[in-house]
N, C-alpha and C. Protein backbone atom coordinates (compact mmCIF):
# COMPACT_ATOMS: atom_id res chain seq x y z
N MET A 1 97.74 38.35 0.99
CA MET A 1 96.63 37.62 1.70
C MET A 1 95.84 36.67 0.71
N LYS A 2 95.99 35.61 1.15
CA LYS A 2 95.63 34.47 0.24
C LYS A 2 93.93 34.39 -0.47
N PRO A 3 93.60 34.19 -1.87
CA PRO A 3 92.38 34.31 -2.30
C PRO A 3 90.95 33.56 -1.46
N SER A 4 89.96 33.64 -1.31
CA SER A 4 88.93 33.07 -0.88
C SER A 4 88.60 31.65 -1.72
N LYS A 5 88.50 30.88 -0.80
CA LYS A 5 88.01 29.33 -1.58
C LYS A 5 86.65 29.27 -1.92
N LEU A 6 85.89 30.31 -1.24
CA LEU A 6 84.35 29.83 -1.05
C LEU A 6 83.69 29.65 -2.86
N VAL A 7 84.05 30.57 -3.75
CA VAL A 7 83.51 30.19 -5.29
C VAL A 7 83.99 29.46 -5.94
N PRO A 8 85.34 29.07 -5.76
CA PRO A 8 85.92 27.59 -6.28
C PRO A 8 85.12 26.16 -5.54
N ALA A 9 85.18 26.61 -4.73
CA ALA A 9 84.18 25.03 -3.48
C ALA A 9 82.99 25.16 -4.11
N LEU A 10 82.37 26.28 -4.12
CA LEU A 10 80.76 26.38 -4.67
C LEU A 10 80.67 25.85 -6.21
N ILE A 11 81.65 25.71 -7.02
CA ILE A 11 81.34 25.64 -8.51
C ILE A 11 81.74 24.43 -8.48
N GLY A 12 83.21 24.30 -7.31
CA GLY A 12 82.98 22.42 -7.25
C GLY A 12 82.11 21.38 -6.55
N GLY A 13 81.24 21.95 -5.53
CA GLY A 13 80.13 21.53 -4.99
C GLY A 13 79.18 21.31 -6.00
N ALA A 14 79.05 22.45 -6.70
CA ALA A 14 77.33 22.23 -7.96
C ALA A 14 77.96 21.41 -8.86
N ILE A 15 79.41 20.91 -9.07
CA ILE A 15 79.53 19.82 -10.27
C ILE A 15 79.55 18.60 -9.37
N ILE A 16 79.83 18.29 -8.28
CA ILE A 16 79.57 16.89 -7.41
C ILE A 16 78.11 17.14 -7.03
N GLY A 17 77.38 17.70 -6.88
CA GLY A 17 76.01 17.47 -6.59
C GLY A 17 74.93 17.42 -7.76
N LEU A 18 75.45 18.17 -9.02
CA LEU A 18 74.44 18.02 -10.04
C LEU A 18 74.98 16.40 -10.58
N LEU A 19 75.95 16.55 -10.89
CA LEU A 19 76.51 14.84 -11.48
C LEU A 19 76.22 13.85 -10.68
N SER A 20 76.36 13.95 -9.17
CA SER A 20 76.40 12.69 -8.42
C SER A 20 74.78 12.28 -8.15
N THR A 21 73.64 13.65 -8.62
CA THR A 21 72.07 13.22 -8.62
C THR A 21 71.57 12.80 -9.88
N LEU A 22 72.25 13.80 -10.99
CA LEU A 22 71.22 12.99 -12.16
C LEU A 22 71.29 11.91 -12.67
N PRO A 23 70.04 11.34 -12.88
CA PRO A 23 69.96 9.83 -13.15
C PRO A 23 70.97 9.20 -13.90
N PHE A 24 71.15 8.11 -14.05
CA PHE A 24 72.55 7.44 -14.75
C PHE A 24 73.79 7.95 -14.90
N ILE A 25 73.79 9.28 -14.90
CA ILE A 25 74.92 10.07 -14.94
C ILE A 25 75.79 9.70 -13.52
N ASN A 26 74.79 9.73 -12.67
CA ASN A 26 75.56 9.49 -11.03
C ASN A 26 76.10 8.17 -11.23
N LEU A 27 75.88 7.24 -11.75
CA LEU A 27 76.99 5.90 -11.80
C LEU A 27 78.09 6.16 -12.14
N GLY A 28 78.42 7.29 -12.68
CA GLY A 28 79.91 7.54 -12.60
C GLY A 28 80.95 7.51 -11.21
N ASN A 29 79.56 7.69 -10.03
CA ASN A 29 80.54 7.64 -8.85
C ASN A 29 80.65 6.09 -8.44
N CYS A 30 80.36 5.35 -9.10
CA CYS A 30 80.66 3.70 -8.84
C CYS A 30 81.93 3.76 -9.23
N PHE A 31 82.54 4.26 -9.84
CA PHE A 31 84.29 4.13 -10.50
C PHE A 31 84.62 5.22 -9.45
N CYS A 32 85.25 4.61 -8.50
CA CYS A 32 85.92 5.43 -7.57
C CYS A 32 85.70 6.61 -7.06
N CYS A 33 84.17 6.72 -6.82
CA CYS A 33 83.46 8.45 -6.60
C CYS A 33 84.12 9.32 -7.84
N LEU A 34 83.99 8.85 -8.92
CA LEU A 34 85.03 10.07 -10.05
C LEU A 34 84.28 11.42 -10.08
N TRP A 35 82.87 11.67 -9.92
CA TRP A 35 82.36 12.93 -9.25
C TRP A 35 82.60 13.98 -8.62
N ILE A 36 83.01 13.19 -7.44
CA ILE A 36 83.43 13.76 -6.11
C ILE A 36 84.90 14.22 -6.41
N LEU A 37 85.80 13.15 -6.76
CA LEU A 37 87.00 13.67 -7.19
C LEU A 37 87.25 14.81 -8.48
N LEU A 38 86.24 14.70 -9.22
CA LEU A 38 86.15 15.81 -10.38
C LEU A 38 85.90 17.02 -9.95
N GLY A 39 85.13 16.92 -8.63
CA GLY A 39 84.75 18.51 -8.26
C GLY A 39 85.84 18.76 -7.39
N GLY A 40 86.25 18.24 -6.76
CA GLY A 40 87.24 18.47 -5.66
C GLY A 40 88.46 18.72 -6.72
N ALA A 41 88.75 18.22 -7.74
CA ALA A 41 90.12 18.92 -8.09
C ALA A 41 89.43 20.06 -9.00
N ALA A 42 88.47 20.00 -9.65
CA ALA A 42 87.90 21.57 -10.37
C ALA A 42 88.33 22.66 -9.14
N ALA A 43 87.74 22.49 -7.84
CA ALA A 43 87.48 23.74 -7.09
C ALA A 43 89.40 23.70 -6.74
N ALA A 44 89.90 22.96 -6.65
CA ALA A 44 91.57 23.19 -6.71
C ALA A 44 92.25 23.84 -7.80
N MET A 45 91.73 23.77 -8.86
CA MET A 45 92.20 24.38 -10.09
C MET A 45 91.91 25.65 -10.33
N LEU A 46 90.62 25.90 -10.00
CA LEU A 46 89.67 27.21 -9.87
C LEU A 46 90.59 28.05 -8.76
N HIS A 47 90.45 27.95 -7.80
CA HIS A 47 91.07 28.37 -6.33
C HIS A 47 92.64 28.71 -6.82
N ALA A 48 93.34 27.80 -7.64
CA ALA A 48 94.83 28.15 -8.49
C ALA A 48 95.33 29.26 -8.71
N ARG A 49 93.90 29.54 -9.66
CA ARG A 49 93.69 30.54 -10.78
C ARG A 49 94.02 31.41 -10.16
N ASP A 50 93.23 31.80 -8.73
CA ASP A 50 93.04 33.14 -8.25
C ASP A 50 94.47 33.53 -7.46
N TYR A 51 95.49 32.44 -7.64
CA TYR A 51 96.71 33.27 -6.81
C TYR A 51 97.66 34.24 -7.56
N GLY A 52 98.07 34.98 -6.95
CA GLY A 52 98.97 36.01 -8.17
C GLY A 52 100.42 35.13 -8.42
N PRO A 53 101.06 35.53 -9.22
CA PRO A 53 102.37 35.50 -9.60
C PRO A 53 103.31 35.25 -8.42
N ASP A 54 103.19 35.85 -7.44
CA ASP A 54 104.23 36.33 -6.32
C ASP A 54 103.73 35.29 -4.94
N MET A 55 102.65 34.33 -5.48
CA MET A 55 102.12 33.69 -4.22
C MET A 55 102.07 32.09 -4.59
N GLU A 56 102.28 31.32 -3.29
CA GLU A 56 102.74 29.88 -3.79
C GLU A 56 101.18 28.99 -3.50
N PHE A 57 101.05 28.76 -4.70
CA PHE A 57 99.89 27.53 -4.15
C PHE A 57 100.63 26.53 -3.68
N THR A 58 100.08 25.68 -2.68
CA THR A 58 100.00 24.62 -2.00
C THR A 58 99.47 23.68 -2.19
N ALA A 59 99.49 22.23 -2.01
CA ALA A 59 99.02 20.91 -2.16
C ALA A 59 98.01 21.66 -1.19
N GLY A 60 98.13 21.85 0.14
CA GLY A 60 97.14 21.93 1.16
C GLY A 60 96.22 22.83 1.03
N ASP A 61 96.35 23.86 0.07
CA ASP A 61 95.39 25.10 -0.55
C ASP A 61 94.46 23.85 -1.56
N GLY A 62 95.21 23.18 -2.41
CA GLY A 62 94.07 22.55 -2.94
C GLY A 62 93.20 21.28 -2.10
N ALA A 63 93.72 21.12 -1.24
CA ALA A 63 92.94 20.20 -0.16
C ALA A 63 91.74 20.65 0.10
N MET A 64 91.93 21.87 0.95
CA MET A 64 91.30 22.30 1.30
C MET A 64 89.89 23.35 0.52
N ALA A 65 90.31 23.26 -0.66
CA ALA A 65 89.45 23.69 -1.76
C ALA A 65 88.28 22.47 -2.01
N GLY A 66 89.06 21.35 -2.18
CA GLY A 66 88.39 20.05 -2.25
C GLY A 66 87.25 19.41 -1.30
N LEU A 67 88.14 19.78 -0.07
CA LEU A 67 87.11 19.52 1.22
C LEU A 67 85.92 20.13 0.77
N LEU A 68 86.31 21.64 1.04
CA LEU A 68 85.07 22.37 0.69
C LEU A 68 83.85 22.34 -0.17
N ALA A 69 84.62 21.56 -1.39
CA ALA A 69 83.69 21.40 -2.49
C ALA A 69 83.26 20.21 -2.09
N GLY A 70 83.28 19.28 -1.47
CA GLY A 70 82.61 18.00 -0.78
C GLY A 70 81.58 18.03 -0.47
N LEU A 71 81.75 19.08 0.73
CA LEU A 71 80.74 19.55 1.63
C LEU A 71 79.85 20.13 1.03
N PHE A 72 79.96 21.21 0.27
CA PHE A 72 79.12 21.88 -0.55
C PHE A 72 78.55 20.78 -1.68
N GLY A 73 79.12 19.84 -1.95
CA GLY A 73 78.58 18.98 -2.97
C GLY A 73 77.56 18.20 -2.18
N ALA A 74 77.69 17.46 -0.64
CA ALA A 74 77.02 16.52 -0.20
C ALA A 74 75.43 17.52 0.31
N LEU A 75 75.91 18.82 0.21
CA LEU A 75 74.81 19.92 0.30
C LEU A 75 73.82 19.49 -0.76
N ILE A 76 74.19 20.45 -2.07
CA ILE A 76 73.58 20.72 -2.99
C ILE A 76 73.07 19.05 -3.33
N GLY A 77 73.74 18.00 -3.64
CA GLY A 77 73.43 16.78 -3.54
C GLY A 77 72.17 16.01 -3.10
N THR A 78 72.32 16.62 -2.17
CA THR A 78 70.82 16.45 -0.76
C THR A 78 69.69 17.30 -1.28
N PHE A 79 70.00 18.79 -1.50
CA PHE A 79 69.06 19.36 -1.98
C PHE A 79 68.10 18.86 -3.58
N LEU A 80 69.01 18.40 -4.05
CA LEU A 80 68.73 17.93 -5.92
C LEU A 80 67.90 16.67 -5.49
N SER A 81 68.19 15.99 -4.50
CA SER A 81 67.48 14.57 -4.65
C SER A 81 66.29 14.72 -3.57
N THR A 82 66.47 15.64 -2.71
CA THR A 82 65.25 15.87 -2.40
C THR A 82 63.79 16.57 -2.80
N PHE A 83 64.50 17.36 -4.00
CA PHE A 83 63.79 18.26 -5.04
C PHE A 83 63.02 16.99 -6.16
N PHE A 84 63.91 16.32 -6.30
CA PHE A 84 63.57 15.13 -7.26
C PHE A 84 62.59 14.47 -6.79
N MET A 85 62.48 13.89 -5.54
CA MET A 85 61.57 13.32 -4.35
C MET A 85 60.15 13.77 -4.78
N VAL A 86 60.45 15.38 -4.04
CA VAL A 86 59.07 16.10 -3.77
C VAL A 86 58.25 16.52 -4.87
N VAL A 87 59.21 17.24 -5.92
CA VAL A 87 58.38 17.92 -6.76
C VAL A 87 58.43 17.08 -7.91
N LEU A 88 59.30 16.10 -8.14
CA LEU A 88 59.01 15.29 -9.62
C LEU A 88 58.58 13.92 -9.18
N GLN A 89 58.31 13.52 -7.91
CA GLN A 89 58.11 12.29 -7.53
C GLN A 89 58.69 11.24 -7.44
N ILE A 90 60.02 11.41 -7.75
CA ILE A 90 61.11 10.15 -8.16
C ILE A 90 61.26 9.59 -6.63
N HIS A 91 60.82 8.44 -6.24
CA HIS A 91 61.36 8.01 -4.91
C HIS A 91 61.90 6.92 -5.45
N PRO A 92 63.42 6.49 -5.21
CA PRO A 92 63.58 5.43 -5.10
C PRO A 92 63.76 4.68 -4.33
N THR A 93 63.39 5.04 -3.14
CA THR A 93 63.38 3.94 -1.57
C THR A 93 62.00 2.91 -1.91
N ARG A 94 60.92 3.83 -2.44
CA ARG A 94 59.84 3.37 -2.61
C ARG A 94 59.87 2.01 -3.97
N GLU A 95 60.66 2.46 -4.76
CA GLU A 95 60.59 1.25 -5.85
C GLU A 95 61.39 0.18 -5.45
N ILE A 96 62.34 0.25 -3.92
CA ILE A 96 63.12 -0.74 -3.42
C ILE A 96 61.92 -1.27 -2.54
N MET A 97 61.34 -0.95 -2.34
CA MET A 97 60.40 -1.55 -1.31
C MET A 97 58.83 -2.14 -2.26
N ARG A 98 58.89 -1.56 -3.43
CA ARG A 98 57.90 -2.30 -4.38
C ARG A 98 58.63 -3.32 -4.42
N ARG A 99 59.87 -3.52 -5.01
CA ARG A 99 60.55 -4.43 -5.72
C ARG A 99 60.41 -5.56 -4.10
N LEU A 100 60.88 -5.32 -3.14
CA LEU A 100 60.79 -6.11 -1.87
C LEU A 100 59.15 -6.38 -1.57
N MET A 101 58.34 -6.06 -1.97
CA MET A 101 56.98 -6.69 -1.65
C MET A 101 56.79 -7.84 -2.75
N GLU A 102 57.50 -7.66 -3.96
CA GLU A 102 57.06 -8.79 -4.97
C GLU A 102 57.96 -10.16 -4.48
N ILE A 103 58.86 -9.95 -3.38
CA ILE A 103 59.53 -11.46 -3.29
C ILE A 103 59.48 -11.47 -1.77
N ARG A 104 58.45 -10.64 -0.96
CA ARG A 104 58.26 -10.84 0.70
C ARG A 104 57.55 -11.81 1.08
N SER A 105 57.42 -13.09 0.09
CA SER A 105 57.47 -14.15 1.01
C SER A 105 57.56 -14.95 2.05
N ASP A 106 59.00 -14.67 2.47
CA ASP A 106 59.62 -14.98 3.24
C ASP A 106 60.15 -13.82 4.72
N LEU A 107 59.41 -12.81 4.45
CA LEU A 107 59.83 -11.47 4.96
C LEU A 107 58.98 -11.54 6.36
N SER A 108 59.50 -10.70 7.87
CA SER A 108 58.69 -10.76 8.83
C SER A 108 57.50 -10.03 8.80
N THR A 109 56.67 -10.18 9.71
CA THR A 109 55.52 -9.63 9.32
C THR A 109 55.58 -7.86 9.75
N GLU A 110 56.36 -7.55 10.58
CA GLU A 110 56.75 -6.14 10.93
C GLU A 110 57.72 -5.55 9.85
N PHE A 111 58.15 -6.27 9.29
CA PHE A 111 59.02 -5.50 8.16
C PHE A 111 57.72 -5.60 6.90
N ASP A 112 56.90 -6.36 6.81
CA ASP A 112 56.16 -6.47 5.99
C ASP A 112 55.06 -5.06 5.98
N ASP A 113 54.72 -5.04 7.29
CA ASP A 113 54.17 -3.23 7.78
C ASP A 113 54.95 -2.28 7.19
N ILE A 114 55.65 -2.56 7.32
CA ILE A 114 56.82 -1.03 7.12
C ILE A 114 57.00 -0.93 5.62
N ILE A 115 56.79 -2.10 4.86
CA ILE A 115 56.92 -2.20 3.13
C ILE A 115 55.29 -1.59 2.84
N THR A 116 54.89 -1.50 3.68
CA THR A 116 53.13 -1.59 3.07
C THR A 116 53.22 0.35 3.04
N ARG A 117 53.35 0.40 4.46
CA ARG A 117 53.42 1.82 4.72
C ARG A 117 54.50 2.87 3.83
N TRP A 118 55.56 2.33 3.55
CA TRP A 118 56.30 3.19 2.29
C TRP A 118 55.25 2.82 1.22
N ASP A 119 54.80 2.09 0.57
CA ASP A 119 54.37 1.81 -0.46
C ASP A 119 53.07 2.94 -0.87
N ARG A 120 52.45 3.01 0.52
CA ARG A 120 51.37 4.05 0.48
C ARG A 120 51.82 5.48 0.63
N GLY A 121 53.24 6.00 0.62
CA GLY A 121 53.61 6.71 0.81
C GLY A 121 54.04 7.73 2.09
N GLU A 122 53.93 6.66 3.24
CA GLU A 122 53.51 6.88 4.90
C GLU A 122 55.02 6.66 5.09
N GLY A 123 56.39 6.73 4.15
CA GLY A 123 57.67 6.13 4.29
C GLY A 123 58.45 7.12 5.43
N MET A 124 59.43 6.85 5.57
CA MET A 124 60.73 7.41 6.45
C MET A 124 61.51 8.46 5.56
N GLU A 125 61.13 8.90 4.53
CA GLU A 125 61.97 9.49 3.67
C GLU A 125 62.85 10.74 4.36
N PRO A 126 62.36 11.43 5.47
CA PRO A 126 62.84 12.59 6.21
C PRO A 126 64.52 12.00 6.61
N LEU A 127 63.78 10.47 7.34
CA LEU A 127 65.14 10.14 7.83
C LEU A 127 66.31 9.45 7.26
N PHE A 128 65.48 9.25 5.93
CA PHE A 128 66.39 8.30 4.89
C PHE A 128 67.39 9.91 4.08
N THR A 129 66.53 10.69 4.15
CA THR A 129 67.54 12.08 3.54
C THR A 129 68.21 12.71 4.60
N LEU A 130 67.89 12.18 6.16
CA LEU A 130 69.13 12.96 6.86
C LEU A 130 70.54 11.77 6.88
N ILE A 131 70.13 10.53 6.94
CA ILE A 131 71.20 9.86 6.91
C ILE A 131 72.08 9.85 5.85
N GLY A 132 71.44 9.97 4.16
CA GLY A 132 72.00 9.91 3.52
C GLY A 132 72.78 11.23 3.30
N LEU A 133 72.32 12.63 4.12
CA LEU A 133 72.97 13.77 3.95
C LEU A 133 74.62 13.07 4.85
N ILE A 134 74.58 12.57 6.05
CA ILE A 134 75.59 12.31 6.87
C ILE A 134 76.72 11.49 5.97
N PHE A 135 76.01 10.39 5.34
CA PHE A 135 76.75 9.82 4.49
C PHE A 135 77.95 10.75 3.65
N SER A 136 76.77 11.17 2.97
CA SER A 136 77.43 11.96 1.95
C SER A 136 78.76 12.85 2.38
N LEU A 137 78.14 13.82 3.67
CA LEU A 137 79.39 14.42 4.12
C LEU A 137 80.16 13.91 4.30
N ILE A 138 80.53 12.69 4.81
CA ILE A 138 82.01 11.81 5.39
C ILE A 138 82.38 11.34 3.65
N ILE A 139 81.81 11.02 2.51
CA ILE A 139 82.10 10.47 1.57
C ILE A 139 82.88 11.46 0.87
N ASN A 140 81.86 12.62 0.84
CA ASN A 140 82.39 13.49 0.06
C ASN A 140 83.72 14.57 0.76
N ALA A 141 83.67 14.33 1.94
CA ALA A 141 84.68 15.23 2.68
C ALA A 141 85.91 14.42 2.25
N ILE A 142 86.15 13.11 2.20
CA ILE A 142 87.12 12.52 1.98
C ILE A 142 87.36 12.69 0.28
N PHE A 143 86.55 12.24 -0.31
CA PHE A 143 87.14 12.14 -2.03
C PHE A 143 87.24 13.55 -2.19
N GLY A 144 86.61 14.57 -1.92
CA GLY A 144 86.51 15.62 -2.60
C GLY A 144 87.98 16.23 -2.08
N THR A 145 88.46 15.80 -0.57
CA THR A 145 90.14 16.23 -0.38
C THR A 145 90.91 15.42 -1.36
N LEU A 146 90.46 14.43 -1.38
CA LEU A 146 91.74 13.52 -2.50
C LEU A 146 91.64 14.28 -4.06
N GLY A 147 90.34 14.62 -4.29
CA GLY A 147 90.55 15.43 -5.63
C GLY A 147 90.99 16.81 -5.69
N GLY A 148 90.99 17.14 -4.24
CA GLY A 148 91.63 18.71 -3.95
C GLY A 148 93.24 18.65 -4.47
N LEU A 149 93.58 17.05 -3.62
CA LEU A 149 95.15 17.06 -3.49
C LEU A 149 95.79 16.86 -5.04
N ILE A 150 94.66 16.17 -5.60
CA ILE A 150 95.34 16.08 -7.15
C ILE A 150 95.19 17.30 -8.17
N GLY A 151 94.10 17.79 -8.05
CA GLY A 151 94.00 18.78 -8.81
C GLY A 151 95.18 20.63 -8.31
N GLY A 152 95.03 20.35 -6.96
CA GLY A 152 96.30 21.16 -6.64
C GLY A 152 97.71 20.58 -6.96
N SER A 153 98.14 19.31 -6.97
CA SER A 153 99.20 19.01 -7.40
C SER A 153 99.33 19.36 -9.02
N MET A 154 98.24 19.44 -10.03
CA MET A 154 98.17 19.80 -11.32
C MET A 154 98.20 20.78 -11.12
N ALA A 155 97.60 22.04 -10.56
CA ALA A 155 97.86 23.38 -10.64
C ALA A 155 98.73 24.14 -10.04
N ARG A 156 99.78 23.25 -9.23
CA ARG A 156 100.40 24.17 -8.24
C ARG A 156 101.99 25.37 -8.68
N LYS A 157 101.56 26.24 -8.26
CA LYS A 157 102.40 27.05 -8.47
C LYS A 157 103.57 26.93 -7.39
N LYS A 158 104.52 27.20 -7.90
CA LYS A 158 105.86 27.57 -7.19
C LYS A 158 106.60 28.90 -6.93
N MET A 159 107.06 29.03 -5.75
CA MET A 159 107.73 30.32 -5.71
C MET A 159 109.27 30.41 -6.30
N PRO A 160 109.67 31.07 -7.45
CA PRO A 160 111.04 30.97 -7.87
C PRO A 160 112.22 31.05 -6.79
N ASP A 161 112.60 30.02 -7.11
CA ASP A 161 114.06 29.95 -5.90
C ASP A 161 114.65 31.21 -5.75
N ASN A 162 115.04 32.07 -6.57
CA ASN A 162 115.86 33.44 -6.54
C ASN A 162 115.18 34.52 -7.11
N PRO A 163 114.25 34.81 -6.23
CA PRO A 163 113.61 36.04 -6.88
C PRO A 163 114.67 37.10 -7.48
N PRO A 164 113.99 37.72 -8.61
CA PRO A 164 114.86 38.76 -9.12
C PRO A 164 114.86 40.13 -8.16
N GLN A 165 116.04 40.45 -8.42
CA GLN A 165 116.68 41.51 -7.77
C GLN A 165 116.13 42.89 -8.37
N ALA A 166 115.34 43.45 -7.48
CA ALA A 166 115.28 45.03 -8.32
C ALA A 166 116.13 46.06 -8.64
């Protein structure tokens, strides 16, 4: 029976979620989704360690661990970014809207009303959180799987061609 992918995927997802959410460190994802690839690879390598010497670890096993890590990373990252917005009052959307207000001379009045509501805190942050979660699930699934393939191929264990005779 194959070992569970849950714990390695949660650890990889925590790596993805934490590094993708921390200010300035999250910029690492601008380089080919670096933290997502790293979390997927870490999940695959941790999962490979759980295999016994008589079990074959395939690239598909690594890809599945990476996929799960990417999905967990999207959930953890969304939770952390929501935490930053609610508890720590860090609102990147409001900052963007404030900057748009500074240059709003040629914006339509409808858009001007939206910007004013956002600036007062009547924003659509739950909608943006949901949209961000959906995009994160898609992007993290793709790059987490790719990272799992990379990590799985690095940690791949092959069965011996001729098992020893007893």
